[in-house]
Protein backbone atom coordinates (compact mmCIF):
# COMPACT_ATOMS: atom_id res chain seq x y z
CA MET A 1 -308.33 -90.88 -123.10
CA LEU A 2 -307.24 -91.71 -120.18
CA SER A 3 -307.76 -95.44 -120.71
CA LEU A 4 -305.47 -94.88 -124.21
CA LEU A 5 -303.22 -93.59 -121.74
CA ARG A 6 -303.41 -96.12 -118.85
CA LEU A 7 -302.96 -98.97 -121.90
CA PHE A 8 -300.05 -97.39 -123.11
CA ALA A 9 -298.30 -96.62 -119.48
CA ALA A 10 -299.00 -100.41 -118.73
CA PHE A 11 -297.24 -101.79 -121.90
CA LEU A 12 -293.82 -99.73 -120.91
CA GLY A 13 -294.42 -100.47 -117.73
CA TRP A 14 -294.66 -104.31 -118.69
CA ILE A 15 -291.49 -103.50 -121.13
CA PHE A 16 -289.76 -102.33 -118.22
CA GLY A 17 -290.43 -104.62 -115.29
CA PHE A 18 -289.63 -107.50 -118.03
CA LEU A 19 -286.55 -105.93 -118.54
CA LEU A 20 -285.41 -105.06 -115.32
CA GLY A 21 -286.22 -108.99 -114.46
CA VAL A 22 -283.83 -110.23 -117.08
CA ALA A 23 -281.20 -107.95 -115.43
CA LEU A 24 -281.46 -109.18 -111.65
CA LEU A 25 -281.41 -112.96 -113.51
CA GLU A 26 -277.94 -112.28 -114.47
CA VAL A 27 -276.68 -111.48 -110.74
CA SER A 28 -279.04 -113.72 -109.09
CA ARG A 29 -278.35 -117.71 -108.38
CA ILE A 30 -281.87 -119.02 -110.11
CA ASP A 31 -281.08 -121.79 -112.09
CA GLU A 32 -284.21 -123.36 -113.17
CA VAL A 33 -285.69 -122.47 -116.34
CA ASP A 34 -289.15 -122.02 -115.34
CA ASN A 35 -288.23 -120.10 -111.92
CA ARG A 36 -286.56 -117.87 -114.10
CA VAL A 37 -289.33 -117.22 -116.26
CA ILE A 38 -292.17 -116.77 -113.69
CA VAL A 39 -289.87 -114.19 -111.60
CA VAL A 40 -289.52 -112.18 -115.27
CA LEU A 41 -293.57 -112.43 -116.15
CA LEU A 42 -294.16 -111.64 -112.47
CA LEU A 43 -292.12 -108.65 -112.37
CA ALA A 44 -293.62 -107.28 -115.32
CA THR A 45 -297.20 -107.87 -114.72
CA ALA A 46 -296.30 -106.36 -111.72
CA CYS A 47 -294.73 -103.14 -113.70
CA GLY A 48 -297.45 -103.44 -116.04
CA ILE A 49 -300.02 -103.09 -113.22
CA LEU A 50 -298.55 -100.13 -111.17
CA GLY A 51 -298.30 -98.20 -114.83
CA PHE A 52 -301.65 -98.79 -115.50
CA LEU A 53 -302.69 -97.63 -111.98
CA GLY A 54 -300.38 -94.65 -111.29
CA VAL A 55 -300.15 -93.33 -114.90
CA GLU A 56 -302.80 -90.59 -113.81
CA TYR A 57 -300.99 -89.61 -111.02
CA VAL A 58 -298.10 -88.65 -112.24
CA THR A 59 -299.36 -87.53 -115.77
CA VAL A 60 -303.19 -86.04 -115.88
CA ARG A 61 -303.19 -84.98 -112.37
CA PRO A 62 -300.29 -83.16 -112.46
CA ALA A 63 -301.20 -80.83 -115.90
CA ARG A 64 -304.98 -79.90 -114.24
CA TRP A 65 -303.07 -78.80 -111.69
CA LEU A 66 -300.64 -76.79 -113.58
CA LEU A 67 -303.56 -75.64 -116.06
CA ALA A 68 -305.48 -74.59 -112.99
CA ARG A 69 -302.62 -72.55 -111.45
CA ILE A 70 -302.27 -71.06 -114.89
CA ARG A 71 -305.66 -70.27 -115.81
CA ASP A 72 -306.15 -68.58 -112.33
CA ALA A 73 -302.80 -66.63 -112.65
CA SER A 74 -303.04 -62.96 -114.27
CA ALA A 75 -301.51 -62.41 -117.39
CA SER A 76 -299.08 -60.17 -115.34
CA ASP A 77 -297.66 -63.09 -113.17
CA LEU A 78 -296.97 -65.05 -115.77
CA ILE A 79 -294.97 -62.66 -118.14
CA ALA A 80 -293.12 -61.86 -114.48
CA GLY A 81 -292.81 -65.29 -113.58
CA SER A 82 -291.56 -65.98 -117.24
CA THR A 83 -288.86 -63.65 -117.27
CA GLY A 84 -287.58 -64.46 -113.80
CA ALA A 85 -287.00 -68.51 -114.77
CA ILE A 86 -285.28 -67.21 -118.19
CA ILE A 87 -283.06 -65.35 -116.11
CA GLY A 88 -282.52 -68.10 -113.45
CA LEU A 89 -281.71 -70.73 -116.19
CA LEU A 90 -279.04 -67.80 -118.03
CA LEU A 91 -277.60 -67.20 -114.40
CA GLY A 92 -277.61 -71.50 -114.32
CA LEU A 93 -275.93 -71.38 -117.74
CA PHE A 94 -272.73 -69.10 -116.42
CA LEU A 95 -272.29 -71.64 -113.33
CA ALA A 96 -272.62 -74.95 -115.87
CA PHE A 97 -269.30 -74.47 -116.99
CA PRO A 98 -267.64 -74.46 -113.85
CA ILE A 99 -269.97 -77.26 -112.26
CA ALA A 100 -269.19 -79.62 -115.14
CA LEU A 101 -265.55 -79.72 -113.97
CA LEU A 102 -266.68 -81.26 -111.19
CA PRO A 103 -265.52 -85.47 -110.89
CA GLY A 104 -267.55 -88.17 -111.96
CA SER A 105 -271.25 -88.06 -112.51
CA VAL A 106 -271.51 -85.55 -109.94
CA GLY A 107 -270.06 -83.11 -113.13
CA GLN A 108 -272.52 -84.67 -115.33
CA PHE A 109 -275.87 -83.72 -113.63
CA ALA A 110 -275.04 -80.77 -111.28
CA PRO A 111 -275.44 -78.56 -114.05
CA LEU A 112 -279.14 -79.33 -114.71
CA ALA A 113 -279.78 -79.62 -110.85
CA VAL A 114 -278.74 -76.41 -110.81
CA ALA A 115 -280.12 -74.42 -113.32
CA GLY A 116 -283.38 -75.46 -112.67
CA VAL A 117 -283.65 -74.78 -109.11
CA LEU A 118 -282.42 -71.66 -110.04
CA GLY A 119 -285.10 -71.24 -112.90
CA LEU A 120 -287.86 -72.16 -110.08
CA ILE A 121 -286.03 -69.72 -107.54
CA GLY A 122 -285.89 -66.81 -110.17
CA ALA A 123 -289.76 -67.81 -111.37
CA MET A 124 -291.29 -67.36 -107.67
CA THR A 125 -288.96 -64.20 -106.97
CA ALA A 126 -290.05 -62.52 -109.86
CA ILE A 127 -293.85 -63.07 -108.86
CA ILE A 128 -293.74 -62.34 -105.28
CA LYS A 129 -292.02 -59.01 -106.02
CA LYS A 130 -293.81 -58.15 -109.31
CA ASP A 131 -295.49 -54.92 -107.68
CA ASP A 132 -291.79 -53.97 -106.75
CA GLY A 133 -290.18 -54.55 -109.81
CA VAL A 134 -292.54 -52.52 -111.88
CA ALA A 135 -292.78 -49.57 -109.08
CA PHE A 136 -288.74 -49.26 -109.55
CA LEU A 137 -288.91 -49.71 -113.65
CA ARG A 138 -290.79 -47.17 -113.12
CA ASP A 139 -288.99 -44.80 -111.34
CA VAL A 140 -286.11 -45.66 -113.33
CA ARG A 141 -287.92 -44.50 -116.64
CA GLN A 142 -289.29 -41.50 -115.40
CA GLY A 143 -285.28 -40.67 -114.06
CA ARG A 144 -286.21 -40.42 -110.27
CA ASP A 145 -284.88 -42.28 -107.20
CA ARG A 146 -287.52 -45.22 -106.10
CA GLY A 147 -287.29 -43.87 -102.21
CA SER A 148 -288.33 -39.89 -103.48
CA ARG A 149 -291.98 -40.62 -104.54
CA GLU A 150 -294.32 -41.83 -101.91
CA GLN A 151 -297.27 -44.67 -102.26
CA MET A 152 -300.49 -43.98 -100.52
CA LEU A 153 -302.93 -46.95 -100.67
CA LEU A 154 -306.51 -45.61 -100.96
CA ASP A 155 -309.48 -47.64 -99.21
CA THR A 156 -312.72 -48.05 -100.80
CA SER A 157 -314.34 -45.17 -98.08
CA VAL A 158 -311.56 -42.52 -99.62
CA ILE A 159 -312.41 -43.19 -103.25
CA ILE A 160 -316.46 -43.31 -103.27
CA ASP A 161 -316.00 -39.84 -100.53
CA GLY A 162 -314.04 -38.25 -104.24
CA ARG A 163 -312.27 -35.29 -102.19
CA ILE A 164 -308.71 -36.72 -102.87
CA ALA A 165 -309.55 -35.59 -106.62
CA ASP A 166 -309.82 -31.96 -105.03
CA VAL A 167 -306.75 -32.44 -102.58
CA ALA A 168 -304.35 -33.95 -105.38
CA ARG A 169 -305.61 -30.91 -107.83
CA ALA A 170 -304.79 -28.34 -105.35
CA GLY A 171 -301.29 -29.89 -105.27
CA PHE A 172 -301.44 -31.25 -101.27
CA LEU A 173 -300.77 -34.91 -102.30
CA ARG A 174 -297.52 -35.95 -103.73
CA GLY A 175 -296.70 -39.65 -104.70
CA THR A 176 -298.10 -42.51 -106.00
CA LEU A 177 -301.53 -44.02 -105.46
CA ILE A 178 -301.83 -47.42 -105.50
CA ILE A 179 -305.21 -49.16 -105.57
CA PRO A 180 -304.80 -53.08 -104.64
CA ARG A 181 -307.22 -55.03 -106.60
CA PHE A 182 -309.41 -56.31 -103.64
CA ILE A 183 -310.54 -52.66 -103.31
CA LEU A 184 -311.29 -52.38 -107.19
CA LEU A 185 -313.25 -55.50 -106.67
CA GLU A 186 -315.12 -54.24 -103.60
CA LEU A 187 -316.07 -51.41 -105.44
CA GLN A 188 -317.37 -52.63 -108.87
CA GLY A 189 -319.35 -55.32 -106.31
CA ILE A 190 -320.69 -51.69 -104.63
CA ALA A 191 -321.47 -50.20 -108.39
CA ASP A 192 -323.54 -53.40 -109.29
CA SER A 193 -325.93 -53.01 -105.58
CA SER A 194 -329.25 -53.89 -106.03
CA ASP A 195 -329.49 -50.76 -103.69
CA ALA A 196 -329.75 -47.42 -105.57
CA LEU A 197 -328.03 -45.69 -103.01
CA ARG A 198 -325.31 -48.41 -102.66
CA ARG A 199 -325.01 -48.31 -106.52
CA ALA A 200 -325.13 -44.61 -107.31
CA ARG A 201 -321.82 -44.66 -104.82
CA GLY A 202 -320.14 -47.43 -106.00
CA ARG A 203 -320.08 -45.15 -109.58
CA ARG A 204 -319.10 -42.39 -107.95
CA GLY A 205 -315.80 -43.95 -106.87
CA LEU A 206 -315.52 -45.80 -110.25
CA ASP A 207 -315.82 -42.44 -112.31
CA LEU A 208 -313.48 -40.59 -109.63
CA LEU A 209 -310.87 -43.23 -110.57
CA SER A 210 -311.63 -42.31 -113.91
CA ARG A 211 -311.48 -38.77 -113.68
CA LEU A 212 -307.96 -39.58 -111.72
CA GLN A 213 -306.47 -41.41 -114.42
CA LYS A 214 -307.32 -39.02 -117.02
CA GLU A 215 -306.35 -36.02 -115.69
CA ALA A 216 -303.17 -37.14 -114.59
CA LEU A 217 -303.35 -35.56 -111.43
CA LEU A 218 -301.64 -38.35 -109.84
CA PRO A 219 -299.83 -41.28 -110.75
CA MET A 220 -302.10 -44.27 -110.37
CA GLN A 221 -300.78 -47.93 -109.88
CA VAL A 222 -303.15 -51.22 -109.76
CA ILE A 223 -301.48 -54.09 -107.32
CA GLU A 224 -302.46 -57.91 -107.18
CA ARG A 225 -301.07 -58.44 -103.54
CA ASP A 226 -304.14 -59.80 -102.17
CA PRO A 227 -303.40 -61.67 -98.31
CA ARG A 228 -304.95 -65.20 -98.50
CA GLU A 229 -304.76 -65.84 -94.93
CA VAL A 230 -306.75 -62.62 -94.55
CA VAL A 231 -310.82 -62.30 -95.28
CA GLU A 232 -312.17 -59.15 -94.25
CA VAL A 233 -310.93 -56.28 -96.39
CA ASP A 234 -309.89 -53.79 -94.06
CA ALA A 235 -307.23 -56.35 -92.60
CA LYS A 236 -306.37 -56.94 -96.05
CA LEU A 237 -305.58 -53.33 -96.55
CA VAL A 238 -303.43 -52.82 -93.18
CA ALA A 239 -301.34 -56.08 -94.26
CA VAL A 240 -300.41 -54.36 -97.47
CA ALA A 241 -299.25 -51.20 -95.93
CA ARG A 242 -297.45 -52.81 -93.67
CA GLU A 243 -296.20 -54.99 -96.34
CA LEU A 244 -295.20 -52.01 -98.38
CA ASN A 245 -294.34 -50.01 -95.33
CA CYS A 246 -296.77 -46.45 -97.23
CA PRO A 247 -299.71 -44.85 -94.84
CA ILE A 248 -303.34 -45.94 -96.08
CA LEU A 249 -305.73 -43.13 -97.31
CA THR A 250 -308.90 -43.41 -95.69
CA ASN A 251 -311.67 -41.62 -94.20
CA ASP A 252 -312.79 -44.49 -92.09
CA TYR A 253 -312.86 -43.78 -88.58
CA ASN A 254 -312.91 -47.69 -87.88
CA LEU A 255 -309.54 -48.46 -89.82
CA ASN A 256 -308.01 -45.22 -89.04
CA ARG A 257 -307.95 -46.69 -85.56
CA VAL A 258 -306.79 -50.43 -86.55
CA ALA A 259 -304.20 -49.23 -88.58
CA GLU A 260 -302.11 -47.25 -86.07
CA LEU A 261 -302.74 -49.33 -83.71
CA GLN A 262 -300.80 -52.10 -85.58
CA GLY A 263 -298.07 -48.89 -86.23
CA VAL A 264 -299.54 -47.98 -90.04
CA ARG A 265 -299.86 -44.70 -90.48
CA VAL A 266 -302.95 -42.85 -91.64
CA LEU A 267 -303.44 -40.01 -93.90
CA ASN A 268 -307.62 -38.93 -92.99
CA VAL A 269 -309.27 -36.75 -95.49
CA ASN A 270 -311.59 -36.12 -92.10
CA GLU A 271 -308.93 -34.85 -90.57
CA LEU A 272 -307.39 -32.92 -93.21
CA ALA A 273 -310.42 -31.00 -93.74
CA THR A 274 -310.98 -30.27 -90.17
CA ALA A 275 -307.84 -29.31 -89.98
CA VAL A 276 -308.38 -26.32 -92.96
CA ARG A 277 -311.19 -25.03 -91.27
CA PRO A 278 -311.11 -21.47 -90.40
CA VAL A 279 -310.73 -21.21 -86.57
CA VAL A 280 -313.41 -19.39 -84.99
CA LEU A 281 -313.20 -18.02 -81.33
CA PRO A 282 -315.65 -17.30 -78.67
CA GLY A 283 -317.74 -13.41 -79.31
CA GLU A 284 -317.07 -13.43 -83.01
CA GLU A 285 -320.26 -12.85 -85.27
CA LEU A 286 -321.46 -15.37 -87.71
CA SER A 287 -324.22 -15.97 -90.51
CA VAL A 288 -326.08 -19.15 -90.22
CA LYS A 289 -328.88 -20.45 -91.78
CA VAL A 290 -331.39 -22.53 -89.14
CA ILE A 291 -332.82 -25.35 -91.09
CA GLN A 292 -333.89 -28.00 -88.00
CA GLU A 293 -334.66 -28.06 -84.36
CA GLY A 294 -332.04 -28.81 -81.95
CA LYS A 295 -332.37 -32.20 -79.08
CA GLU A 296 -333.05 -29.39 -76.32
CA ALA A 297 -335.88 -26.83 -76.61
CA ALA A 298 -335.83 -24.19 -78.68
CA GLN A 299 -332.48 -24.84 -80.08
CA GLY A 300 -331.81 -24.56 -83.70
CA VAL A 301 -328.98 -26.38 -85.67
CA GLY A 302 -327.40 -25.01 -89.04
CA TYR A 303 -324.14 -25.45 -90.70
CA LEU A 304 -321.40 -23.74 -92.38
CA GLU A 305 -319.96 -24.29 -95.75
CA ASP A 306 -317.37 -26.52 -94.52
CA GLY A 307 -320.23 -28.78 -92.84
CA THR A 308 -319.17 -27.22 -89.24
CA MET A 309 -322.36 -27.57 -87.10
CA ILE A 310 -324.15 -24.88 -85.48
CA VAL A 311 -326.16 -25.11 -82.18
CA VAL A 312 -328.30 -21.84 -81.79
CA GLU A 313 -329.66 -21.46 -78.51
CA GLY A 314 -332.76 -19.89 -79.41
CA GLY A 315 -333.22 -20.80 -82.54
CA ALA A 316 -335.60 -22.75 -83.18
CA ARG A 317 -338.19 -19.77 -83.53
CA HIS A 318 -335.94 -18.51 -86.49
CA LEU A 319 -336.47 -22.30 -88.08
CA GLY A 320 -335.25 -21.74 -92.00
CA GLU A 321 -334.39 -18.14 -91.74
CA GLU A 322 -330.74 -17.02 -92.14
CA ILE A 323 -329.55 -14.79 -88.85
CA ASP A 324 -326.68 -14.00 -87.43
CA VAL A 325 -325.18 -15.40 -84.24
CA VAL A 326 -322.43 -14.59 -81.35
CA VAL A 327 -320.14 -17.58 -80.56
CA LEU A 328 -320.61 -18.59 -77.18
CA ARG A 329 -318.39 -21.70 -77.22
CA VAL A 330 -316.42 -24.09 -79.59
CA LEU A 331 -316.17 -28.20 -79.17
CA GLN A 332 -314.15 -30.66 -80.69
CA THR A 333 -315.67 -34.36 -80.80
CA VAL A 334 -314.54 -37.08 -82.25
CA ALA A 335 -316.86 -36.78 -85.24
CA GLY A 336 -315.86 -33.08 -85.84
CA ARG A 337 -316.24 -29.61 -84.44
CA MET A 338 -319.32 -28.30 -83.18
CA ILE A 339 -320.22 -24.80 -82.24
CA PHE A 340 -322.28 -23.13 -79.65
CA ALA A 341 -324.07 -19.74 -80.68
CA HIS A 342 -327.16 -17.27 -79.88
CA PRO A 343 -328.85 -14.83 -82.34
CA ARG A 344 -327.23 -11.90 -82.30
CA GLY A 345 -328.59 -9.03 -80.03
CA GLU A 346 -330.21 -11.64 -77.65
CA ALA A 347 -329.31 -12.54 -74.25
CA SER A 348 -328.42 -16.27 -74.21
CA GLY A 349 -330.61 -18.40 -72.26
CA ALA A 350 -328.41 -20.93 -71.07
CA GLN A 351 -324.71 -20.54 -69.03
CA ARG A 352 -323.43 -23.59 -70.23
CA PRO A 353 -324.10 -24.91 -74.00
CA ARG A 354 -325.79 -28.17 -74.51
CA ALA A 355 -324.65 -31.16 -76.96
CA VAL A 356 -327.22 -32.32 -79.83
CA ARG A 357 -327.31 -35.42 -81.29
């Protein structure tokens, strides 16, 4: 196929060179017939060679590039680009009438050039701003102002965690949950992992998204934004959050810190869980089951229903038992809250609570 195309291009190039040579001879000073024939043949041959060698670069390679771009583009990008191009061409059509009144050749060719430029600009604008346009149309259809509904980006950790479904069901989340495509791909990779634990966590995250969608607890939207200049997933998420000017919903402490350093607001599920835990004061009595020994001698460790760790001084001898304890001190750490206590009715064997790991 390429060989036939090259032969055809060489033939057209030879014809073009021949006609060009004849036209040039009419304004040249070459009078001898032999010289005139040589000039025409040389010019025709040169144009034929150029057509034979250059046809691949003006037809086949651009076509391959265009097909590859179309194959890699999503259906939403193709639809958005086509819509934008049509709008641009229609605008060029309206401008064609006054531009055609310009004098000379400008009025003949300018309308076509303007229409082509506006069509290209419309297609590029529609692809780049596709997500914003979809969100705008959704809000218009629902009869709501676009700024009245907040968007929240979800990261992989908070999807796997699963608590956002309970928080949304309780009505403490309002807005649209935004999930970038690269987060879904990462979640799918975890679900397909050879490690059984990672595979279970990934599938739990996919089940959560399916449940959120079926129960319609909150509107969900998958976006195609993927900053190509960034490789790491957390960095991509922060970049998208800055671009959309929306917070990130997460429970990843490191992502929390990185996002805040770059001026991105973060909604941390762990901080929410800590904030709603009941307040415990020194001197209060609690009931706790000692499930393991602490780091220090005679210490026992238990947990409240909300996951708060309780270090019981002298609790090692009550291992496996549920006992009543008296709170000595409450510490707030980076990992969460920690309560130090001693069994009720027993004197505290330490003046100062000691931390466990």
